Amino acid sequence: MNLTLILFYILAVTAVATAVGLLLSRNTVYAALYLVLNFATVAVFYLLLGAPFIALVQVTIYAGAIMVLFLFVIMLL
């Protein structure tokens, strides 16, 4: 098996597990952290596809700015 294929399978299991953890989490802060981990795995998927700019945008915009906004609203409520 190829190293890229093994990494893909590991990332696929991680992405599905974090998505299920996000849906089943009772604590909203833990759900937001599962979402951050899911965004990070999607960014690595983009790197595997050869799109480093999209991976950087994924981490910067979604995992950075949007998640800070989500956590701010969660803590405000």
Protein backbone atom coordinates (compact mmCIF):
# COMPACT_ATOMS: atom_id res chain seq x y z
CA MET A 1 0.00 0.00 0.00
CA ASN A 2 1.05 3.51 -0.72
CA LEU A 3 1.88 5.96 2.10
CA THR A 4 -0.63 8.46 0.71
CA LEU A 5 -3.38 5.85 0.76
CA ILE A 6 -2.62 4.90 4.37
CA LEU A 7 -2.64 8.57 5.37
CA PHE A 8 -5.93 9.03 3.53
CA TYR A 9 -7.55 6.16 5.42
CA ILE A 10 -6.31 7.48 8.77
CA LEU A 11 -7.61 10.95 7.97
CA ALA A 12 -10.93 9.58 6.74
CA VAL A 13 -11.49 7.68 9.99
CA THR A 14 -10.47 10.77 11.97
CA ALA A 15 -12.82 13.03 10.01
CA VAL A 16 -15.77 10.69 10.46
CA ALA A 17 -15.00 10.16 14.15
CA THR A 18 -14.78 13.90 14.83
CA ALA A 19 -18.02 14.51 12.93
CA VAL A 20 -19.79 11.86 15.00
CA GLY A 21 -18.23 13.28 18.16
CA LEU A 22 -19.47 16.71 17.15
CA LEU A 23 -23.02 15.46 16.72
CA LEU A 24 -23.12 13.36 19.89
CA SER A 25 -21.35 15.78 22.22
CA ARG A 26 -23.47 17.16 25.05
CA ASN A 27 -21.01 19.96 25.88
CA THR A 28 -20.96 22.78 23.33
CA VAL A 29 -17.32 23.65 23.92
CA TYR A 30 -16.31 20.05 23.21
CA ALA A 31 -18.47 20.14 20.08
CA ALA A 32 -16.63 23.26 18.91
CA LEU A 33 -13.28 21.57 19.54
CA TYR A 34 -14.40 18.52 17.55
CA LEU A 35 -15.30 20.92 14.74
CA VAL A 36 -11.80 22.46 14.87
CA LEU A 37 -10.26 19.00 14.59
CA ASN A 38 -12.55 18.21 11.67
CA PHE A 39 -11.47 21.43 9.92
CA ALA A 40 -7.83 20.46 10.46
CA THR A 41 -8.35 17.03 8.90
CA VAL A 42 -10.08 18.61 5.92
CA ALA A 43 -7.08 20.94 5.54
CA VAL A 44 -4.76 17.93 5.45
CA PHE A 45 -7.03 16.39 2.81
CA TYR A 46 -6.49 19.52 0.74
CA LEU A 47 -2.74 19.18 1.19
CA LEU A 48 -2.93 15.60 -0.04
CA LEU A 49 -4.77 16.81 -3.11
CA GLY A 50 -2.01 19.32 -3.84
CA ALA A 51 -3.86 22.50 -2.91
CA PRO A 52 -1.77 24.20 -0.20
CA PHE A 53 -3.47 27.59 -0.56
CA ILE A 54 -6.93 26.13 0.08
CA ALA A 55 -5.53 24.22 3.08
CA LEU A 56 -4.07 27.45 4.48
CA VAL A 57 -7.36 29.28 3.93
CA GLN A 58 -9.23 26.40 5.61
CA VAL A 59 -7.05 26.64 8.72
CA THR A 60 -6.90 30.43 8.83
CA ILE A 61 -10.50 31.33 8.09
CA TYR A 62 -12.51 28.41 9.38
CA ALA A 63 -10.42 26.93 12.19
CA GLY A 64 -9.17 30.35 13.26
CA ALA A 65 -11.66 33.14 12.77
CA ILE A 66 -14.98 31.31 12.57
CA MET A 67 -14.23 29.07 15.54
CA VAL A 68 -13.16 32.05 17.67
CA LEU A 69 -16.52 33.62 16.82
CA PHE A 70 -18.37 30.40 17.70
CA LEU A 71 -16.55 30.07 21.03
CA PHE A 72 -17.19 33.73 21.81
CA VAL A 73 -20.93 33.26 21.27
CA ILE A 74 -20.93 30.03 23.29
CA MET A 75 -19.17 31.70 26.20
CA LEU A 76 -21.40 34.77 25.93
CA LEU A 77 -24.54 32.66 26.26
